[in-house]
């Protein structure tokens, strides 16, 4: 399978996640960034870090993108295989982009 092309800033975000680079992961979000993980919402750097320490970067997660869609409103959807010490499976990540940062990341079943 050929590698899918992901627009910025989402491409750098996925790279940071796969490198388990917590600082780059957190810096990818806007100041008021939000993670919506299956309906559980984490807002701001401290809440996102607390969630990520257990379920994302802290669980050594790796995302292998399989499909990428860019919507007219600038949202970027990445569907791929998620593997971590916390959860595994095909997942859909929808990113609301604001400038060069991520305003919101929503995670659902892929």
PDB file of N, CA and C in Angstrom:
ATOM      1  N   UNK A   1       0.845  -1.182   0.000  1.00  0.00           N
ATOM      2  CA  UNK A   1       0.000   0.000   0.000  1.00  0.00           C
ATOM      3  C   UNK A   1       0.891   1.247   0.000  1.00  0.00           C
ATOM      4  N   UNK A   2       0.535   2.188  -0.860  1.00  0.00           N
ATOM      5  CA  UNK A   2       1.334   3.414  -0.901  1.00  0.00           C
ATOM      6  C   UNK A   2       0.981   4.295   0.285  1.00  0.00           C
ATOM      7  N   UNK A   3       1.907   5.134   0.632  1.00  0.00           N
ATOM      8  CA  UNK A   3       1.711   6.018   1.772  1.00  0.00           C
ATOM      9  C   UNK A   3       0.714   7.109   1.403  1.00  0.00           C
ATOM     10  N   UNK A   4      -0.203   7.422   2.311  1.00  0.00           N
ATOM     11  CA  UNK A   4      -1.200   8.451   2.041  1.00  0.00           C
ATOM     12  C   UNK A   4      -0.610   9.822   2.361  1.00  0.00           C
ATOM     13  N   UNK A   5      -1.071  10.818   1.625  1.00  0.00           N
ATOM     14  CA  UNK A   5      -0.579  12.182   1.843  1.00  0.00           C
ATOM     15  C   UNK A   5      -1.513  12.906   2.804  1.00  0.00           C
ATOM     16  N   UNK A   6      -0.936  13.431   3.874  1.00  0.00           N
ATOM     17  CA  UNK A   6      -1.702  14.111   4.913  1.00  0.00           C
ATOM     18  C   UNK A   6      -1.286  15.580   4.929  1.00  0.00           C
ATOM     19  N   UNK A   7      -2.248  16.506   4.877  1.00  0.00           N
ATOM     20  CA  UNK A   7      -1.883  17.927   4.912  1.00  0.00           C
ATOM     21  C   UNK A   7      -1.406  18.359   6.302  1.00  0.00           C
ATOM     22  N   UNK A   8      -0.635  19.428   6.326  1.00  0.00           N
ATOM     23  CA  UNK A   8      -0.206  20.047   7.587  1.00  0.00           C
ATOM     24  C   UNK A   8      -1.372  20.810   8.198  1.00  0.00           C
ATOM     25  N   UNK A   9      -1.458  20.957   9.488  1.00  0.00           N
ATOM     26  CA  UNK A   9      -0.522  20.503  10.510  1.00  0.00           C
ATOM     27  C   UNK A   9      -0.748  19.059  10.967  1.00  0.00           C
ATOM     28  N   UNK A  10      -1.707  18.373  10.343  1.00  0.00           N
ATOM     29  CA  UNK A  10      -2.051  17.020  10.780  1.00  0.00           C
ATOM     30  C   UNK A  10      -0.907  16.039  10.529  1.00  0.00           C
ATOM     31  N   UNK A  11      -0.183  16.212   9.420  1.00  0.00           N
ATOM     32  CA  UNK A  11       0.939  15.302   9.122  1.00  0.00           C
ATOM     33  C   UNK A  11       1.993  15.360  10.226  1.00  0.00           C
ATOM     34  N   UNK A  12       2.348  16.555  10.654  1.00  0.00           N
ATOM     35  CA  UNK A  12       3.337  16.696  11.731  1.00  0.00           C
ATOM     36  C   UNK A  12       2.811  16.140  13.043  1.00  0.00           C
ATOM     37  N   UNK A  13       1.499  16.286  13.272  1.00  0.00           N
ATOM     38  CA  UNK A  13       0.874  15.751  14.470  1.00  0.00           C
ATOM     39  C   UNK A  13       0.986  14.224  14.494  1.00  0.00           C
ATOM     40  N   UNK A  14       0.623  13.577  13.395  1.00  0.00           N
ATOM     41  CA  UNK A  14       0.704  12.109  13.319  1.00  0.00           C
ATOM     42  C   UNK A  14       2.141  11.652  13.523  1.00  0.00           C
ATOM     43  N   UNK A  15       3.086  12.375  12.929  1.00  0.00           N
ATOM     44  CA  UNK A  15       4.505  12.045  13.102  1.00  0.00           C
ATOM     45  C   UNK A  15       4.913  12.155  14.574  1.00  0.00           C
ATOM     46  N   UNK A  16       4.478  13.215  15.238  1.00  0.00           N
ATOM     47  CA  UNK A  16       4.797  13.398  16.670  1.00  0.00           C
ATOM     48  C   UNK A  16       4.216  12.264  17.507  1.00  0.00           C
ATOM     49  N   UNK A  17       2.973  11.880  17.207  1.00  0.00           N
ATOM     50  CA  UNK A  17       2.338  10.777  17.941  1.00  0.00           C
ATOM     51  C   UNK A  17       3.145   9.496  17.749  1.00  0.00           C
ATOM     52  N   UNK A  18       3.480   9.195  16.513  1.00  0.00           N
ATOM     53  CA  UNK A  18       4.184   7.940  16.216  1.00  0.00           C
ATOM     54  C   UNK A  18       5.605   7.914  16.775  1.00  0.00           C
ATOM     55  N   UNK A  19       6.174   9.103  17.028  1.00  0.00           N
ATOM     56  CA  UNK A  19       7.495   9.186  17.672  1.00  0.00           C
ATOM     57  C   UNK A  19       7.356   9.234  19.191  1.00  0.00           C
ATOM     58  N   UNK A  20       6.117   9.278  19.679  1.00  0.00           N
ATOM     59  CA  UNK A  20       5.829   9.382  21.118  1.00  0.00           C
ATOM     60  C   UNK A  20       6.428  10.663  21.696  1.00  0.00           C
ATOM     61  N   UNK A  21       6.364  11.738  20.902  1.00  0.00           N
ATOM     62  CA  UNK A  21       6.926  13.038  21.277  1.00  0.00           C
ATOM     63  C   UNK A  21       5.825  13.861  21.962  1.00  0.00           C
ATOM     64  N   UNK A  22       5.777  13.766  23.289  1.00  0.00           N
ATOM     65  CA  UNK A  22       4.708  14.420  24.041  1.00  0.00           C
ATOM     66  C   UNK A  22       4.677  15.928  23.824  1.00  0.00           C
ATOM     67  N   UNK A  23       5.821  16.572  23.833  1.00  0.00           N
ATOM     68  CA  UNK A  23       5.865  18.028  23.685  1.00  0.00           C
ATOM     69  C   UNK A  23       5.301  18.454  22.327  1.00  0.00           C
ATOM     70  N   UNK A  24       5.732  17.812  21.263  1.00  0.00           N
ATOM     71  CA  UNK A  24       5.237  18.154  19.924  1.00  0.00           C
ATOM     72  C   UNK A  24       3.745  17.832  19.804  1.00  0.00           C
ATOM     73  N   UNK A  25       3.304  16.735  20.417  1.00  0.00           N
ATOM     74  CA  UNK A  25       1.889  16.373  20.436  1.00  0.00           C
ATOM     75  C   UNK A  25       1.070  17.490  21.084  1.00  0.00           C
ATOM     76  N   UNK A  26       1.465  17.917  22.282  1.00  0.00           N
ATOM     77  CA  UNK A  26       0.718  18.950  23.000  1.00  0.00           C
ATOM     78  C   UNK A  26       0.795  20.299  22.296  1.00  0.00           C
ATOM     79  N   UNK A  27       1.962  20.612  21.731  1.00  0.00           N
ATOM     80  CA  UNK A  27       2.140  21.889  21.033  1.00  0.00           C
ATOM     81  C   UNK A  27       1.332  21.971  19.743  1.00  0.00           C
ATOM     82  N   UNK A  28       0.880  20.829  19.230  1.00  0.00           N
ATOM     83  CA  UNK A  28       0.102  20.816  17.988  1.00  0.00           C
ATOM     84  C   UNK A  28      -1.289  21.419  18.182  1.00  0.00           C
ATOM     85  N   UNK A  29      -1.768  21.449  19.437  1.00  0.00           N
ATOM     86  CA  UNK A  29      -3.109  21.962  19.716  1.00  0.00           C
ATOM     87  C   UNK A  29      -3.093  23.463  19.973  1.00  0.00           C
ATOM     88  N   UNK A  30      -4.218  24.105  19.651  1.00  0.00           N
ATOM     89  CA  UNK A  30      -4.395  25.503  20.020  1.00  0.00           C
ATOM     90  C   UNK A  30      -4.475  25.586  21.545  1.00  0.00           C
ATOM     91  N   UNK A  31      -4.398  26.789  22.072  1.00  0.00           N
ATOM     92  CA  UNK A  31      -4.449  26.980  23.523  1.00  0.00           C
ATOM     93  C   UNK A  31      -5.716  26.383  24.129  1.00  0.00           C
ATOM     94  N   UNK A  32      -6.820  26.486  23.395  1.00  0.00           N
ATOM     95  CA  UNK A  32      -8.104  25.953  23.888  1.00  0.00           C
ATOM     96  C   UNK A  32      -8.468  24.660  23.164  1.00  0.00           C
ATOM     97  N   UNK A  33      -7.461  23.936  22.692  1.00  0.00           N
ATOM     98  CA  UNK A  33      -7.688  22.703  21.957  1.00  0.00           C
ATOM     99  C   UNK A  33      -8.500  21.688  22.738  1.00  0.00           C
ATOM    100  N   UNK A  34      -9.187  20.825  21.991  1.00  0.00           N
ATOM    101  CA  UNK A  34     -10.065  19.821  22.594  1.00  0.00           C
ATOM    102  C   UNK A  34      -9.815  18.464  21.952  1.00  0.00           C
ATOM    103  N   UNK A  35      -9.843  17.423  22.778  1.00  0.00           N
ATOM    104  CA  UNK A  35      -9.863  16.050  22.300  1.00  0.00           C
ATOM    105  C   UNK A  35     -11.216  15.469  22.687  1.00  0.00           C
ATOM    106  N   UNK A  36     -11.921  14.923  21.701  1.00  0.00           N
ATOM    107  CA  UNK A  36     -13.188  14.224  21.932  1.00  0.00           C
ATOM    108  C   UNK A  36     -12.923  12.757  21.629  1.00  0.00           C
ATOM    109  N   UNK A  37     -12.749  11.971  22.674  1.00  0.00           N
ATOM    110  CA  UNK A  37     -12.424  10.547  22.541  1.00  0.00           C
ATOM    111  C   UNK A  37     -13.680   9.734  22.832  1.00  0.00           C
ATOM    112  N   UNK A  38     -14.403   9.389  21.767  1.00  0.00           N
ATOM    113  CA  UNK A  38     -15.626   8.600  21.895  1.00  0.00           C
ATOM    114  C   UNK A  38     -16.620   9.265  22.846  1.00  0.00           C
ATOM    115  N   UNK A  39     -16.747  10.593  22.747  1.00  0.00           N
ATOM    116  CA  UNK A  39     -17.720  11.316  23.552  1.00  0.00           C
ATOM    117  C   UNK A  39     -17.194  11.859  24.866  1.00  0.00           C
ATOM    118  N   UNK A  40     -15.988  11.450  25.247  1.00  0.00           N
ATOM    119  CA  UNK A  40     -15.360  12.032  26.445  1.00  0.00           C
ATOM    120  C   UNK A  40     -14.522  13.207  25.975  1.00  0.00           C
ATOM    121  N   UNK A  41     -14.733  14.365  26.567  1.00  0.00           N
ATOM    122  CA  UNK A  41     -14.076  15.582  26.101  1.00  0.00           C
ATOM    123  C   UNK A  41     -12.983  16.042  27.064  1.00  0.00           C
ATOM    124  N   UNK A  42     -11.834  16.408  26.492  1.00  0.00           N
ATOM    125  CA  UNK A  42     -10.689  16.895  27.265  1.00  0.00           C
ATOM    126  C   UNK A  42     -10.264  18.225  26.648  1.00  0.00           C
ATOM    127  N   UNK A  43     -10.367  19.304  27.408  1.00  0.00           N
ATOM    128  CA  UNK A  43     -10.108  20.641  26.887  1.00  0.00           C
ATOM    129  C   UNK A  43      -8.880  21.263  27.541  1.00  0.00           C
ATOM    130  N   UNK A  44      -8.038  21.886  26.732  1.00  0.00           N
ATOM    131  CA  UNK A  44      -6.846  22.555  27.227  1.00  0.00           C
ATOM    132  C   UNK A  44      -5.690  21.590  27.444  1.00  0.00           C
ATOM    133  N   UNK A  45      -4.515  22.169  27.516  1.00  0.00           N
ATOM    134  CA  UNK A  45      -3.281  21.383  27.575  1.00  0.00           C
ATOM    135  C   UNK A  45      -3.242  20.393  28.748  1.00  0.00           C
ATOM    136  N   UNK A  46      -3.637  20.826  29.945  1.00  0.00           N
ATOM    137  CA  UNK A  46      -3.545  19.954  31.128  1.00  0.00           C
ATOM    138  C   UNK A  46      -4.462  18.741  30.995  1.00  0.00           C
ATOM    139  N   UNK A  47      -5.713  18.952  30.557  1.00  0.00           N
ATOM    140  CA  UNK A  47      -6.633  17.823  30.406  1.00  0.00           C
ATOM    141  C   UNK A  47      -6.192  16.887  29.274  1.00  0.00           C
ATOM    142  N   UNK A  48      -5.744  17.470  28.167  1.00  0.00           N
ATOM    143  CA  UNK A  48      -5.283  16.637  27.049  1.00  0.00           C
ATOM    144  C   UNK A  48      -4.075  15.815  27.476  1.00  0.00           C
ATOM    145  N   UNK A  49      -3.159  16.425  28.220  1.00  0.00           N
ATOM    146  CA  UNK A  49      -1.981  15.684  28.697  1.00  0.00           C
ATOM    147  C   UNK A  49      -2.395  14.551  29.625  1.00  0.00           C
ATOM    148  N   UNK A  50      -3.308  14.822  30.554  1.00  0.00           N
ATOM    149  CA  UNK A  50      -3.763  13.791  31.482  1.00  0.00           C
ATOM    150  C   UNK A  50      -4.369  12.602  30.753  1.00  0.00           C
ATOM    151  N   UNK A  51      -5.174  12.880  29.732  1.00  0.00           N
ATOM    152  CA  UNK A  51      -5.763  11.816  28.909  1.00  0.00           C
ATOM    153  C   UNK A  51      -4.674  11.078  28.140  1.00  0.00           C
ATOM    154  N   UNK A  52      -3.802  11.838  27.506  1.00  0.00           N
ATOM    155  CA  UNK A  52      -2.760  11.249  26.660  1.00  0.00           C
ATOM    156  C   UNK A  52      -1.769  10.402  27.452  1.00  0.00           C
ATOM    157  N   UNK A  53      -1.465  10.817  28.681  1.00  0.00           N
ATOM    158  CA  UNK A  53      -0.511  10.058  29.499  1.00  0.00           C
ATOM    159  C   UNK A  53      -0.948   8.607  29.670  1.00  0.00           C
ATOM    160  N   UNK A  54      -2.257   8.371  29.682  1.00  0.00           N
ATOM    161  CA  UNK A  54      -2.781   7.019  29.880  1.00  0.00           C
ATOM    162  C   UNK A  54      -3.159   6.358  28.553  1.00  0.00           C
ATOM    163  N   UNK A  55      -3.803   7.117  27.650  1.00  0.00           N
ATOM    164  CA  UNK A  55      -4.448   6.496  26.499  1.00  0.00           C
ATOM    165  C   UNK A  55      -3.803   6.782  25.145  1.00  0.00           C
ATOM    166  N   UNK A  56      -2.850   7.699  25.062  1.00  0.00           N
ATOM    167  CA  UNK A  56      -2.342   8.067  23.741  1.00  0.00           C
ATOM    168  C   UNK A  56      -0.825   7.969  23.692  1.00  0.00           C
ATOM    169  N   UNK A  57      -0.136   9.061  24.006  1.00  0.00           N
ATOM    170  CA  UNK A  57       1.333   9.026  23.984  1.00  0.00           C
ATOM    171  C   UNK A  57       1.856   8.058  25.046  1.00  0.00           C
ATOM    172  N   UNK A  58       1.275   8.099  26.239  1.00  0.00           N
ATOM    173  CA  UNK A  58       1.712   7.234  27.331  1.00  0.00           C
ATOM    174  C   UNK A  58       1.497   5.756  27.082  1.00  0.00           C
ATOM    175  N   UNK A  59       0.583   5.417  26.175  1.00  0.00           N
ATOM    176  CA  UNK A  59       0.335   4.013  25.856  1.00  0.00           C
ATOM    177  C   UNK A  59       1.120   3.573  24.624  1.00  0.00           C
ATOM    178  N   UNK A  60       2.077   4.420  24.214  1.00  0.00           N
ATOM    179  CA  UNK A  60       2.976   4.105  23.085  1.00  0.00           C
ATOM    180  C   UNK A  60       2.197   3.866  21.798  1.00  0.00           C
ATOM    181  N   UNK A  61       1.163   4.685  21.587  1.00  0.00           N
ATOM    182  CA  UNK A  61       0.302   4.522  20.425  1.00  0.00           C
ATOM    183  C   UNK A  61       0.997   4.828  19.109  1.00  0.00           C
ATOM    184  N   UNK A  62       0.597   4.082  18.074  1.00  0.00           N
ATOM    185  CA  UNK A  62       1.092   4.305  16.713  1.00  0.00           C
ATOM    186  C   UNK A  62      -0.106   4.261  15.769  1.00  0.00           C
ATOM    187  N   UNK A  63      -0.221   5.301  14.939  1.00  0.00           N
ATOM    188  CA  UNK A  63      -1.287   5.376  13.956  1.00  0.00           C
ATOM    189  C   UNK A  63      -0.700   5.140  12.568  1.00  0.00           C
ATOM    190  N   UNK A  64      -1.249   4.154  11.863  1.00  0.00           N
ATOM    191  CA  UNK A  64      -0.870   3.903  10.476  1.00  0.00           C
ATOM    192  C   UNK A  64      -2.026   4.385   9.598  1.00  0.00           C
ATOM    193  N   UNK A  65      -1.889   5.589   9.018  1.00  0.00           N
ATOM    194  CA  UNK A  65      -2.977   6.152   8.205  1.00  0.00           C
ATOM    195  C   UNK A  65      -3.240   5.309   6.959  1.00  0.00           C
ATOM    196  N   UNK A  66      -4.536   5.103   6.666  1.00  0.00           N
ATOM    197  CA  UNK A  66      -4.944   4.350   5.487  1.00  0.00           C
ATOM    198  C   UNK A  66      -5.749   5.203   4.512  1.00  0.00           C
ATOM    199  N   UNK A  67      -6.534   6.138   5.047  1.00  0.00           N
ATOM    200  CA  UNK A  67      -7.359   7.017   4.210  1.00  0.00           C
ATOM    201  C   UNK A  67      -7.305   8.426   4.785  1.00  0.00           C
ATOM    202  N   UNK A  68      -7.250   9.422   3.889  1.00  0.00           N
ATOM    203  CA  UNK A  68      -7.267  10.817   4.316  1.00  0.00           C
ATOM    204  C   UNK A  68      -8.274  11.574   3.458  1.00  0.00           C
ATOM    205  N   UNK A  69      -9.118  12.365   4.116  1.00  0.00           N
ATOM    206  CA  UNK A  69     -10.098  13.184   3.412  1.00  0.00           C
ATOM    207  C   UNK A  69      -9.989  14.606   3.946  1.00  0.00           C
ATOM    208  N   UNK A  70      -9.983  15.581   3.030  1.00  0.00           N
ATOM    209  CA  UNK A  70      -9.994  16.989   3.428  1.00  0.00           C
ATOM    210  C   UNK A  70     -11.348  17.554   3.022  1.00  0.00           C
ATOM    211  N   UNK A  71     -12.085  18.081   3.993  1.00  0.00           N
ATOM    212  CA  UNK A  71     -13.417  18.630   3.737  1.00  0.00           C
ATOM    213  C   UNK A  71     -13.322  20.093   3.328  1.00  0.00           C
ATOM    214  N   UNK A  72     -14.405  20.595   2.774  1.00  0.00           N
ATOM    215  CA  UNK A  72     -14.456  21.984   2.330  1.00  0.00           C
ATOM    216  C   UNK A  72     -14.227  22.980   3.447  1.00  0.00           C
ATOM    217  N   UNK A  73     -14.580  22.608   4.678  1.00  0.00           N
ATOM    218  CA  UNK A  73     -14.402  23.522   5.811  1.00  0.00           C
ATOM    219  C   UNK A  73     -12.994  23.444   6.397  1.00  0.00           C
ATOM    220  N   UNK A  74     -12.117  22.676   5.747  1.00  0.00           N
ATOM    221  CA  UNK A  74     -10.737  22.552   6.210  1.00  0.00           C
ATOM    222  C   UNK A  74     -10.501  21.412   7.175  1.00  0.00           C
ATOM    223  N   UNK A  75     -11.568  20.728   7.581  1.00  0.00           N
ATOM    224  CA  UNK A  75     -11.391  19.582   8.481  1.00  0.00           C
ATOM    225  C   UNK A  75     -10.655  18.467   7.743  1.00  0.00           C
ATOM    226  N   UNK A  76      -9.818  17.765   8.462  1.00  0.00           N
ATOM    227  CA  UNK A  76      -9.050  16.660   7.898  1.00  0.00           C
ATOM    228  C   UNK A  76      -9.444  15.391   8.642  1.00  0.00           C
ATOM    229  N   UNK A  77      -9.828  14.363   7.898  1.00  0.00           N
ATOM    230  CA  UNK A  77     -10.183  13.081   8.489  1.00  0.00           C
ATOM    231  C   UNK A  77      -9.121  12.058   8.116  1.00  0.00           C
ATOM    232  N   UNK A  78      -8.598  11.382   9.124  1.00  0.00           N
ATOM    233  CA  UNK A  78      -7.607  10.325   8.917  1.00  0.00           C
ATOM    234  C   UNK A  78      -8.185   9.041   9.497  1.00  0.00           C
ATOM    235  N   UNK A  79      -8.301   8.023   8.653  1.00  0.00           N
ATOM    236  CA  UNK A  79      -8.748   6.710   9.109  1.00  0.00           C
ATOM    237  C   UNK A  79      -7.559   5.778   8.999  1.00  0.00           C
ATOM    238  N   UNK A  80      -7.312   5.038  10.070  1.00  0.00           N
ATOM    239  CA  UNK A  80      -6.168   4.149  10.034  1.00  0.00           C
ATOM    240  C   UNK A  80      -6.176   3.150  11.169  1.00  0.00           C
ATOM    241  N   UNK A  81      -5.129   2.387  11.205  1.00  0.00           N
ATOM    242  CA  UNK A  81      -4.975   1.349  12.220  1.00  0.00           C
ATOM    243  C   UNK A  81      -4.252   1.938  13.425  1.00  0.00           C
ATOM    244  N   UNK A  82      -4.913   1.885  14.580  1.00  0.00           N
ATOM    245  CA  UNK A  82      -4.338   2.392  15.834  1.00  0.00           C
ATOM    246  C   UNK A  82      -3.881   1.210  16.672  1.00  0.00           C
ATOM    247  N   UNK A  83      -2.614   1.234  17.101  1.00  0.00           N
ATOM    248  CA  UNK A  83      -2.066   0.185  17.961  1.00  0.00           C
ATOM    249  C   UNK A  83      -1.423   0.844  19.166  1.00  0.00           C
ATOM    250  N   UNK A  84      -1.810   0.386  20.372  1.00  0.00           N
ATOM    251  CA  UNK A  84      -1.213   0.927  21.588  1.00  0.00           C
ATOM    252  C   UNK A  84      -1.350  -0.094  22.702  1.00  0.00           C
ATOM    253  N   UNK A  85      -0.787   0.242  23.851  1.00  0.00           N
ATOM    254  CA  UNK A  85      -0.925  -0.608  25.034  1.00  0.00           C
ATOM    255  C   UNK A  85      -2.295  -0.420  25.694  1.00  0.00           C
ATOM    256  N   UNK A  86      -3.096   0.537  25.172  1.00  0.00           N
ATOM    257  CA  UNK A  86      -4.399   0.843  25.763  1.00  0.00           C
ATOM    258  C   UNK A  86      -5.551   0.310  24.912  1.00  0.00           C
ATOM    259  N   UNK A  87      -5.498   0.549  23.601  1.00  0.00           N
ATOM    260  CA  UNK A  87      -6.582   0.143  22.698  1.00  0.00           C
ATOM    261  C   UNK A  87      -6.001  -0.111  21.314  1.00  0.00           C
ATOM    262  N   UNK A  88      -6.676  -0.964  20.552  1.00  0.00           N
ATOM    263  CA  UNK A  88      -6.228  -1.300  19.205  1.00  0.00           C
ATOM    264  C   UNK A  88      -7.426  -1.354  18.269  1.00  0.00           C
ATOM    265  N   UNK A  89      -7.167  -1.046  17.001  1.00  0.00           N
ATOM    266  CA  UNK A  89      -8.218  -1.197  16.004  1.00  0.00           C
ATOM    267  C   UNK A  89      -8.274  -0.036  15.036  1.00  0.00           C
ATOM    268  N   UNK A  90      -9.121  -0.213  14.052  1.00  0.00           N
ATOM    269  CA  UNK A  90      -9.299   0.809  13.027  1.00  0.00           C
ATOM    270  C   UNK A  90     -10.045   1.982  13.657  1.00  0.00           C
ATOM    271  N   UNK A  91      -9.490   3.158  13.512  1.00  0.00           N
ATOM    272  CA  UNK A  91     -10.048   4.350  14.147  1.00  0.00           C
ATOM    273  C   UNK A  91     -10.126   5.498  13.154  1.00  0.00           C
ATOM    274  N   UNK A  92     -11.079   6.388  13.411  1.00  0.00           N
ATOM    275  CA  UNK A  92     -11.237   7.591  12.589  1.00  0.00           C
ATOM    276  C   UNK A  92     -10.925   8.799  13.451  1.00  0.00           C
ATOM    277  N   UNK A  93     -10.012   9.612  12.974  1.00  0.00           N
ATOM    278  CA  UNK A  93      -9.607  10.838  13.657  1.00  0.00           C
ATOM    279  C   UNK A  93     -10.034  12.015  12.780  1.00  0.00           C
ATOM    280  N   UNK A  94     -10.875  12.888  13.310  1.00  0.00           N
ATOM    281  CA  UNK A  94     -11.302  14.078  12.573  1.00  0.00           C
ATOM    282  C   UNK A  94     -10.660  15.290  13.242  1.00  0.00           C
ATOM    283  N   UNK A  95      -9.924  16.056  12.453  1.00  0.00           N
ATOM    284  CA  UNK A  95      -9.189  17.214  12.964  1.00  0.00           C
ATOM    285  C   UNK A  95      -9.819  18.503  12.456  1.00  0.00           C
ATOM    286  N   UNK A  96     -10.177  19.392  13.377  1.00  0.00           N
ATOM    287  CA  UNK A  96     -10.567  20.756  13.035  1.00  0.00           C
ATOM    288  C   UNK A  96      -9.298  21.596  13.149  1.00  0.00           C
ATOM    289  N   UNK A  97      -8.895  22.185  12.044  1.00  0.00           N
ATOM    290  CA  UNK A  97      -7.636  22.920  11.991  1.00  0.00           C
ATOM    291  C   UNK A  97      -7.907  24.412  12.082  1.00  0.00           C
ATOM    292  N   UNK A  98      -7.091  25.086  12.887  1.00  0.00           N
ATOM    293  CA  UNK A  98      -7.180  26.537  13.057  1.00  0.00           C
ATOM    294  C   UNK A  98      -5.783  27.100  12.831  1.00  0.00           C
ATOM    295  N   UNK A  99      -5.561  27.710  11.683  1.00  0.00           N
ATOM    296  CA  UNK A  99      -4.223  28.196  11.344  1.00  0.00           C
ATOM    297  C   UNK A  99      -3.270  27.026  11.197  1.00  0.00           C
ATOM    298  N   UNK A 100      -2.182  27.044  11.976  1.00  0.00           N
ATOM    299  CA  UNK A 100      -1.198  25.961  11.885  1.00  0.00           C
ATOM    300  C   UNK A 100      -1.289  25.020  13.090  1.00  0.00           C
ATOM    301  N   UNK A 101      -2.446  25.027  13.748  1.00  0.00           N
ATOM    302  CA  UNK A 101      -2.649  24.167  14.923  1.00  0.00           C
ATOM    303  C   UNK A 101      -3.965  23.411  14.800  1.00  0.00           C
ATOM    304  N   UNK A 102      -4.139  22.462  15.708  1.00  0.00           N
ATOM    305  CA  UNK A 102      -5.350  21.663  15.751  1.00  0.00           C
ATOM    306  C   UNK A 102      -6.250  22.214  16.856  1.00  0.00           C
ATOM    307  N   UNK A 103      -7.476  22.588  16.485  1.00  0.00           N
ATOM    308  CA  UNK A 103      -8.426  23.114  17.458  1.00  0.00           C
ATOM    309  C   UNK A 103      -9.167  21.970  18.147  1.00  0.00           C
ATOM    310  N   UNK A 104      -9.426  20.889  17.374  1.00  0.00           N
ATOM    311  CA  UNK A 104     -10.157  19.767  17.961  1.00  0.00           C
ATOM    312  C   UNK A 104      -9.798  18.474  17.221  1.00  0.00           C
ATOM    313  N   UNK A 105      -9.630  17.413  17.998  1.00  0.00           N
ATOM    314  CA  UNK A 105      -9.438  16.092  17.437  1.00  0.00           C
ATOM    315  C   UNK A 105     -10.557  15.213  17.982  1.00  0.00           C
ATOM    316  N   UNK A 106     -11.343  14.634  17.081  1.00  0.00           N
ATOM    317  CA  UNK A 106     -12.431  13.737  17.467  1.00  0.00           C
ATOM    318  C   UNK A 106     -12.073  12.320  17.043  1.00  0.00           C
ATOM    319  N   UNK A 107     -12.182  11.386  17.975  1.00  0.00           N
ATOM    320  CA  UNK A 107     -11.818   9.995  17.714  1.00  0.00           C
ATOM    321  C   UNK A 107     -13.080   9.140  17.777  1.00  0.00           C
ATOM    322  N   UNK A 108     -13.269   8.333  16.728  1.00  0.00           N
ATOM    323  CA  UNK A 108     -14.388   7.397  16.666  1.00  0.00           C
ATOM    324  C   UNK A 108     -13.916   6.111  15.993  1.00  0.00           C
ATOM    325  N   UNK A 109     -14.809   5.135  15.937  1.00  0.00           N
ATOM    326  CA  UNK A 109     -14.492   3.879  15.254  1.00  0.00           C
ATOM    327  C   UNK A 109     -14.306   4.159  13.773  1.00  0.00           C
ATOM    328  N   UNK A 110     -13.288   3.526  13.191  1.00  0.00           N
ATOM    329  CA  UNK A 110     -12.994   3.719  11.767  1.00  0.00           C
ATOM    330  C   UNK A 110     -13.847   2.849  10.946  1.00  0.00           C
TER     331      UNK A 110
END
